[in-house]
Amino acid sequence: MAEYEVRGWRGWRHHIAMVCLAMLFVLKERLLAAGPTPLLSARDIVELLAYYLPRRNRNEEEIFRAMQLRHSHRAKDIARRAKKRAVF
């Protein structure tokens, strides 16, 4: 929940639902591994998932293109909200 940056009610509910599901997943994994690894942490689980889950390698150009698209969407959202605020 520390990464909260949502502005609207719908987004907040979505964010909280995803955080709760992630926390439930981590809890279940910790309970399953309680015997052999009693000190398993969320960070350990994240590192294991990063190692075991298949990923497509991306080059620098793809990463920057995705980043520019996200920035464009954020800028449009900021402008839309500023316009909406100016109406009131």
Protein backbone atom coordinates (compact mmCIF):
# COMPACT_ATOMS: atom_id res chain seq x y z
CA MET A 1 0.00 0.00 0.00
CA ALA A 2 3.04 2.26 0.31
CA GLU A 3 3.15 2.78 -3.47
CA TYR A 4 -0.29 4.47 -3.51
CA GLU A 5 -0.54 7.12 -6.26
CA VAL A 6 -4.15 6.78 -7.37
CA ARG A 7 -6.40 9.83 -7.62
CA GLY A 8 -9.86 8.36 -8.05
CA TRP A 9 -12.16 6.13 -6.03
CA ARG A 10 -12.27 3.38 -8.66
CA GLY A 11 -8.49 3.32 -8.93
CA TRP A 12 -8.12 3.26 -5.15
CA ARG A 13 -10.44 0.24 -4.85
CA HIS A 14 -8.55 -1.53 -7.63
CA HIS A 15 -5.21 -0.79 -5.98
CA ILE A 16 -6.36 -2.02 -2.55
CA ALA A 17 -7.86 -5.18 -4.09
CA MET A 18 -4.55 -5.96 -5.84
CA VAL A 19 -2.56 -5.28 -2.66
CA CYS A 20 -4.83 -7.58 -0.65
CA LEU A 21 -4.51 -10.35 -3.25
CA ALA A 22 -0.73 -9.99 -3.24
CA MET A 23 -0.66 -10.14 0.55
CA LEU A 24 -2.86 -13.25 0.50
CA PHE A 25 -0.54 -14.91 -2.02
CA VAL A 26 2.52 -14.14 0.13
CA LEU A 27 0.78 -15.44 3.26
CA LYS A 28 -0.20 -18.72 1.54
CA GLU A 29 3.34 -19.23 0.24
CA ARG A 30 4.80 -18.58 3.69
CA LEU A 31 2.40 -21.07 5.26
CA LEU A 32 3.23 -23.72 2.64
CA ALA A 33 6.96 -23.25 3.23
CA ALA A 34 6.74 -22.95 7.03
CA GLY A 35 8.43 -26.30 7.60
CA PRO A 36 11.56 -26.18 5.41
CA THR A 37 12.00 -22.38 5.40
CA PRO A 38 10.33 -20.80 8.44
CA LEU A 39 11.92 -17.38 7.84
CA LEU A 40 10.65 -16.99 4.26
CA SER A 41 9.91 -13.31 3.60
CA ALA A 42 7.96 -11.44 0.95
CA ARG A 43 11.28 -10.29 -0.54
CA ASP A 44 12.40 -13.93 -0.80
CA ILE A 45 9.20 -14.80 -2.66
CA VAL A 46 9.64 -11.87 -5.07
CA GLU A 47 13.20 -12.96 -5.83
CA LEU A 48 12.11 -16.56 -6.39
CA LEU A 49 9.33 -15.45 -8.74
CA ALA A 50 11.74 -13.21 -10.66
CA TYR A 51 14.04 -16.19 -11.12
CA TYR A 52 11.48 -18.88 -11.98
CA LEU A 53 8.86 -17.03 -14.03
CA PRO A 54 9.63 -16.87 -17.74
CA ARG A 55 10.21 -13.39 -19.12
CA ARG A 56 10.74 -12.03 -22.57
CA ASN A 57 13.96 -10.07 -22.83
CA ARG A 58 13.33 -6.46 -23.75
CA ASN A 59 15.83 -4.09 -25.25
CA GLU A 60 16.45 -0.51 -24.17
CA GLU A 61 14.31 0.92 -26.99
CA GLU A 62 11.23 -1.08 -25.91
CA ILE A 63 11.63 -0.01 -22.29
CA PHE A 64 11.90 3.67 -23.20
CA ARG A 65 8.94 3.43 -25.60
CA ALA A 66 6.77 1.91 -22.85
CA MET A 67 7.97 4.58 -20.43
CA GLN A 68 7.12 7.37 -22.89
CA LEU A 69 3.64 5.91 -23.39
CA ARG A 70 3.03 5.83 -19.62
CA HIS A 71 4.27 9.42 -19.32
CA SER A 72 1.99 10.50 -22.15
CA HIS A 73 -1.01 8.90 -20.43
CA ARG A 74 -0.10 10.55 -17.13
CA ALA A 75 0.26 13.97 -18.78
CA LYS A 76 -3.15 13.62 -20.47
CA ASP A 77 -4.72 12.57 -17.17
CA ILE A 78 -3.16 15.52 -15.35
CA ALA A 79 -4.39 17.93 -18.04
CA ARG A 80 -7.87 16.39 -17.97
CA ARG A 81 -8.08 16.72 -14.20
CA ALA A 82 -6.80 20.31 -14.30
CA LYS A 83 -9.45 21.17 -16.90
CA LYS A 84 -12.14 19.48 -14.81
CA ARG A 85 -11.01 21.41 -11.72
CA ALA A 86 -11.04 24.71 -13.62
CA VAL A 87 -14.72 24.23 -14.55
CA PHE A 88 -15.77 24.29 -10.92
